[in-house]
C-alpha cells in the first residue's frame, strides 16, 4: 500500500497548500522541526523496510483489511448501503491507521516520545497503543471537560502507560488541548514528535495523516470491485474534526 498511496490524491504545493487550504506554520522553531519531519516522511515512505513493517502491523496487529459489510436493514429504505468496518480495527476506530504510521516514523527519526492532543480520547488511546507497541513514551494532552466525559478512554490511556496531561485553560476542551500539546512539543522538539490525529494542522500533517489513512480507500475500492464488480455511486463519511470524505473521494 505505502508507496502507491503517495500519489493517490492531489498533493500539497511547496508551501503546504491544497488549493485554498493548508499551509506551513510561521513559528521559526516549529518551521525547522516540521521541515525536518516533512523531509523524513517523504524519504521514509519510499523505504522498503519501513513499508513492509507498516504493512505487517496493519495486517497482524490492526487486523486489516477491515471488512466491507452490506447493511441490509438500512438498505431497505432505498439505497444499497455498504459499511467499511473500521470499528473492528484494534482500538475500535480508524485512528490506529495513522498512529501506527506516526510511531514508526517517530522511531525511524530517532525520537523517544510522541506528544498529542485528544478530544473524545480515541486518538489518545490509539497513539498510546501504538507507542507502547514500538517502545516509545507517549504524552497525551486532554481538556478537563473531556476527561470528565470520557472516563473509559482515559483509563485505557493510563493502562497503556501514557502520561495524561489535564488542560484546564479556556473551555478545557480539544482546542486548548491542542495548544497545550504544541507548547509541550516546543520544549522538547529534539527528542519528541507531535502526532496530530486528523487531516488538519500545519504542513506536513494533513498530507501525512491522509497518506496513512488512504489504506481505507484502497481497500474499499478493491473490495467493492471484487465483490460487486464495480464501484459505488457515492462515498459518504461523517465529519467532526476529521475531513475523511476528502480522503475517500480522492481514492474512488
Protein backbone atom coordinates (compact mmCIF):
# COMPACT_ATOMS: atom_id res chain seq x y z
CA UNK A 1 0.00 0.00 0.00
CA UNK A 2 2.55 2.51 1.19
CA UNK A 3 4.27 3.76 -1.94
CA UNK A 4 1.10 3.51 -4.05
CA UNK A 5 -0.74 5.75 -1.62
CA UNK A 6 1.69 8.61 -2.12
CA UNK A 7 0.08 9.71 -5.39
CA UNK A 8 -3.49 8.70 -4.60
CA UNK A 9 -4.64 12.29 -4.06
CA UNK A 10 -3.69 15.84 -5.06
CA UNK A 11 -0.59 16.53 -3.00
CA UNK A 12 0.10 19.94 -1.49
CA UNK A 13 2.28 22.51 -3.20
CA UNK A 14 5.70 23.53 -1.89
CA UNK A 15 4.07 25.79 0.69
CA UNK A 16 1.83 23.05 2.01
CA UNK A 17 -1.40 24.30 0.41
CA UNK A 18 -4.17 22.15 -1.04
CA UNK A 19 -5.69 24.88 -3.18
CA UNK A 20 -7.02 27.47 -0.71
CA UNK A 21 -6.46 25.27 2.32
CA UNK A 22 -3.45 24.26 4.38
CA UNK A 23 -0.09 25.95 4.56
CA UNK A 24 3.05 25.93 6.68
CA UNK A 25 3.40 27.37 10.16
CA UNK A 26 5.29 30.64 10.60
CA UNK A 27 6.76 29.95 14.05
CA UNK A 28 10.57 29.93 13.46
CA UNK A 29 11.44 26.97 15.69
CA UNK A 30 8.47 24.90 14.53
CA UNK A 31 9.29 25.70 10.91
CA UNK A 32 12.64 23.98 11.26
CA UNK A 33 11.26 20.98 13.13
CA UNK A 34 8.33 20.47 10.74
CA UNK A 35 10.57 20.85 7.70
CA UNK A 36 12.72 18.02 9.08
CA UNK A 37 9.59 15.97 9.75
CA UNK A 38 8.31 16.55 6.20
CA UNK A 39 11.64 15.54 4.66
CA UNK A 40 11.79 12.46 6.87
CA UNK A 41 8.23 11.49 5.99
CA UNK A 42 8.80 11.76 2.23
CA UNK A 43 12.01 9.77 2.49
CA UNK A 44 10.75 7.04 4.76
CA UNK A 45 7.58 6.15 2.88
CA UNK A 46 9.82 5.15 -0.02
CA UNK A 47 11.87 2.88 2.23
CA UNK A 48 11.02 -0.77 1.55
CA UNK A 49 11.73 -1.90 5.12
CA UNK A 50 9.50 0.82 6.59
CA UNK A 51 6.68 -0.01 4.17
CA UNK A 52 6.98 -3.72 4.85
CA UNK A 53 6.90 -3.21 8.62
CA UNK A 54 3.88 -0.94 8.39
CA UNK A 55 2.05 -3.43 6.18
CA UNK A 56 2.90 -6.28 8.56
CA UNK A 57 1.50 -4.40 11.55
CA UNK A 58 -1.60 -3.34 9.61
CA UNK A 59 -2.35 -6.99 8.93
CA UNK A 60 -1.22 -8.73 12.12
CA UNK A 61 -1.80 -6.03 14.78
CA UNK A 62 -4.50 -3.69 13.48
CA UNK A 63 -6.41 -6.53 11.83
CA UNK A 64 -6.59 -5.22 8.28
CA UNK A 65 -8.21 -5.46 5.85
CA UNK A 66 -11.35 -4.36 7.66
CA UNK A 67 -14.42 -6.00 6.11
CA UNK A 68 -16.94 -4.40 3.75
CA UNK A 69 -20.43 -5.06 5.13
CA UNK A 70 -23.79 -4.84 3.34
CA UNK A 71 -26.15 -3.08 5.77
CA UNK A 72 -29.31 -4.90 4.68
CA UNK A 73 -31.68 -3.35 7.22
CA UNK A 74 -30.63 0.21 6.35
CA UNK A 75 -30.77 -0.67 2.65
CA UNK A 76 -34.49 -1.47 2.91
CA UNK A 77 -35.10 2.29 2.89
CA UNK A 78 -33.89 2.59 -0.70
CA UNK A 79 -30.19 2.91 -1.42
CA UNK A 80 -27.95 -0.13 -1.05
CA UNK A 81 -25.59 0.80 1.79
CA UNK A 82 -22.22 -0.79 2.46
CA UNK A 83 -20.12 -0.05 5.53
CA UNK A 84 -16.34 -0.16 5.76
CA UNK A 85 -16.00 -1.62 9.25
CA UNK A 86 -13.19 0.50 10.68
CA UNK A 87 -14.76 -0.01 14.10
CA UNK A 88 -13.41 -3.58 14.01
CA UNK A 89 -9.79 -2.38 13.96
CA UNK A 90 -7.72 -2.84 17.11
CA UNK A 91 -8.70 0.03 19.48
CA UNK A 92 -12.09 0.35 17.75
CA UNK A 93 -11.69 3.09 15.14
CA UNK A 94 -9.77 4.36 12.14
CA UNK A 95 -7.33 6.26 14.39
CA UNK A 96 -4.96 3.33 14.72
CA UNK A 97 -4.22 3.53 10.96
CA UNK A 98 -2.29 6.77 11.14
CA UNK A 99 -1.00 6.18 14.66
CA UNK A 100 0.90 3.08 13.54
CA UNK A 101 2.46 5.12 10.74
CA UNK A 102 3.30 8.03 13.03
CA UNK A 103 5.04 5.97 15.72
CA UNK A 104 7.05 4.05 13.14
CA UNK A 105 8.06 7.38 11.59
CA UNK A 106 8.97 8.82 15.00
CA UNK A 107 11.13 5.83 15.81
CA UNK A 108 12.89 5.94 12.42
CA UNK A 109 13.63 9.63 13.04
CA UNK A 110 15.24 8.78 16.37
CA UNK A 111 12.55 10.27 18.60
CA UNK A 112 11.94 8.94 22.10
CA UNK A 113 8.43 10.24 22.68
CA UNK A 114 5.23 11.12 20.84
CA UNK A 115 3.04 14.00 22.03
CA UNK A 116 -0.57 14.52 21.03
CA UNK A 117 -3.92 16.07 21.82
CA UNK A 118 -7.18 14.19 22.13
CA UNK A 119 -10.83 15.15 22.49
CA UNK A 120 -13.08 12.14 22.87
CA UNK A 121 -9.98 10.10 23.62
CA UNK A 122 -9.91 7.73 20.66
CA UNK A 123 -6.78 9.27 19.14
CA UNK A 124 -5.13 9.21 22.54
CA UNK A 125 -5.94 5.53 23.03
CA UNK A 126 -4.72 4.62 19.53
CA UNK A 127 -1.48 6.59 19.88
CA UNK A 128 -0.80 5.21 23.36
CA UNK A 129 -1.37 1.71 21.99
CA UNK A 130 0.93 2.22 19.01
CA UNK A 131 3.61 3.89 21.14
CA UNK A 132 3.59 1.02 23.64
CA UNK A 133 3.91 -1.41 20.75
CA UNK A 134 7.16 0.11 19.45
CA UNK A 135 8.60 1.20 22.81
CA UNK A 136 8.09 4.97 22.71
CA UNK A 137 6.97 7.21 25.56
CA UNK A 138 3.58 8.84 24.98
CA UNK A 139 2.19 12.11 26.35
CA UNK A 140 -1.48 12.95 25.77
CA UNK A 141 -2.99 16.39 26.45
CA UNK A 142 -6.74 16.40 27.12
CA UNK A 143 -9.17 19.05 28.29
CA UNK A 144 -10.60 18.60 31.78
CA UNK A 145 -14.15 18.73 30.41
CA UNK A 146 -13.36 15.87 28.02
CA UNK A 147 -11.57 13.91 30.74
CA UNK A 148 -14.72 14.01 32.86
CA UNK A 149 -16.87 12.80 29.95
CA UNK A 150 -14.56 10.11 28.60
CA UNK A 151 -13.51 8.10 31.64
CA UNK A 152 -13.19 4.71 29.81
CA UNK A 153 -10.74 6.10 27.26
CA UNK A 154 -8.84 7.99 29.96
CA UNK A 155 -8.41 4.73 31.86
CA UNK A 156 -7.23 2.91 28.75
CA UNK A 157 -4.58 5.54 28.02
CA UNK A 158 -3.24 5.28 31.57
CA UNK A 159 -3.21 1.49 31.48
CA UNK A 160 -1.21 1.69 28.24
CA UNK A 161 1.42 3.75 30.02
CA UNK A 162 0.65 7.17 28.55
CA UNK A 163 1.21 10.33 30.57
CA UNK A 164 -2.11 12.18 30.63
CA UNK A 165 -1.85 15.98 30.92
CA UNK A 166 -5.15 17.63 32.02
CA UNK A 167 -5.74 21.02 30.40
CA UNK A 168 -7.95 23.46 32.32
CA UNK A 169 -7.27 26.64 30.33
CA UNK A 170 -10.13 28.27 28.42
CA UNK A 171 -13.04 25.94 27.79
CA UNK A 172 -11.00 22.93 28.86
CA UNK A 173 -11.71 21.03 25.65
CA UNK A 174 -9.93 19.99 22.44
CA UNK A 175 -8.83 23.44 21.24
CA UNK A 176 -6.96 24.10 24.47
CA UNK A 177 -5.54 20.57 24.46
CA UNK A 178 -4.03 21.22 21.02
CA UNK A 179 -2.39 24.44 22.26
CA UNK A 180 -1.05 22.67 25.34
CA UNK A 181 0.37 19.77 23.35
CA UNK A 182 2.10 22.09 20.88
CA UNK A 183 3.61 24.06 23.76
CA UNK A 184 4.97 20.84 25.26
CA UNK A 185 6.38 19.83 21.89
CA UNK A 186 8.17 23.18 21.60
CA UNK A 187 10.02 22.40 24.82
CA UNK A 188 11.35 19.05 23.57
CA UNK A 189 11.47 19.03 19.78
CA UNK A 190 14.78 17.18 19.58
CA UNK A 191 13.51 14.10 21.42
CA UNK A 192 9.80 14.10 20.60
CA UNK A 193 7.38 14.18 17.68
CA UNK A 194 3.96 15.81 17.69
CA UNK A 195 1.33 13.41 16.35
CA UNK A 196 -1.85 15.08 15.10
CA UNK A 197 -4.94 12.87 14.99
CA UNK A 198 -6.75 14.33 11.97
CA UNK A 199 -6.19 15.75 8.48
CA UNK A 200 -5.67 19.21 9.98
CA UNK A 201 -2.91 21.48 11.24
CA UNK A 202 0.23 22.84 9.56
CA UNK A 203 2.11 21.01 6.81
CA UNK A 204 3.10 18.20 6.67
CA UNK A 205 0.36 16.82 8.96
CA UNK A 206 -2.58 16.92 6.51
CA UNK A 207 -0.55 15.04 3.91
CA UNK A 208 0.86 12.59 6.46
CA UNK A 209 -2.44 11.64 8.07
CA UNK A 210 -4.24 11.44 4.72
CA UNK A 211 -1.46 9.22 3.42
CA UNK A 212 -1.65 6.78 6.33
CA UNK A 213 -5.46 6.76 6.22
CA UNK A 214 -5.58 6.17 2.46
CA UNK A 215 -5.44 2.44 3.13
CA UNK A 216 -9.18 2.65 3.91
CA UNK A 217 -9.96 3.84 0.40
CA UNK A 218 -7.51 1.47 -1.27
CA UNK A 219 -9.07 -1.50 0.50
CA UNK A 220 -12.65 -0.37 -0.05
CA UNK A 221 -12.08 0.15 -3.75
CA UNK A 222 -10.53 -3.29 -4.22
CA UNK A 223 -13.16 -5.00 -2.05
CA UNK A 224 -16.09 -3.36 -3.82
CA UNK A 225 -14.76 -4.21 -7.26
CA UNK A 226 -14.02 -7.79 -6.24
CA UNK A 227 -17.35 -8.43 -4.51
CA UNK A 228 -19.74 -6.41 -6.65
CA UNK A 229 -17.96 -5.91 -9.97
CA UNK A 230 -17.86 -2.12 -9.90
CA UNK A 231 -17.65 0.97 -7.71
CA UNK A 232 -20.32 2.64 -5.55
CA UNK A 233 -22.27 5.61 -6.87
CA UNK A 234 -21.38 7.70 -3.82
CA UNK A 235 -18.91 7.55 -0.95
CA UNK A 236 -20.08 9.13 2.31
CA UNK A 237 -18.40 9.60 5.69
CA UNK A 238 -19.23 11.51 8.85
CA UNK A 239 -17.27 14.66 9.64
CA UNK A 240 -16.34 16.02 13.04
CA UNK A 241 -12.71 17.15 13.26
CA UNK A 242 -11.78 14.57 10.62
CA UNK A 243 -12.44 15.61 6.98
CA UNK A 244 -12.38 11.94 5.99
CA UNK A 245 -14.64 12.22 2.90
CA UNK A 246 -11.82 14.13 1.22
CA UNK A 247 -9.53 11.14 1.70
CA UNK A 248 -12.08 8.63 0.42
CA UNK A 249 -13.37 10.61 -2.54
CA UNK A 250 -9.89 11.18 -3.95
CA UNK A 251 -9.37 7.42 -3.99
CA UNK A 252 -12.67 6.49 -5.61
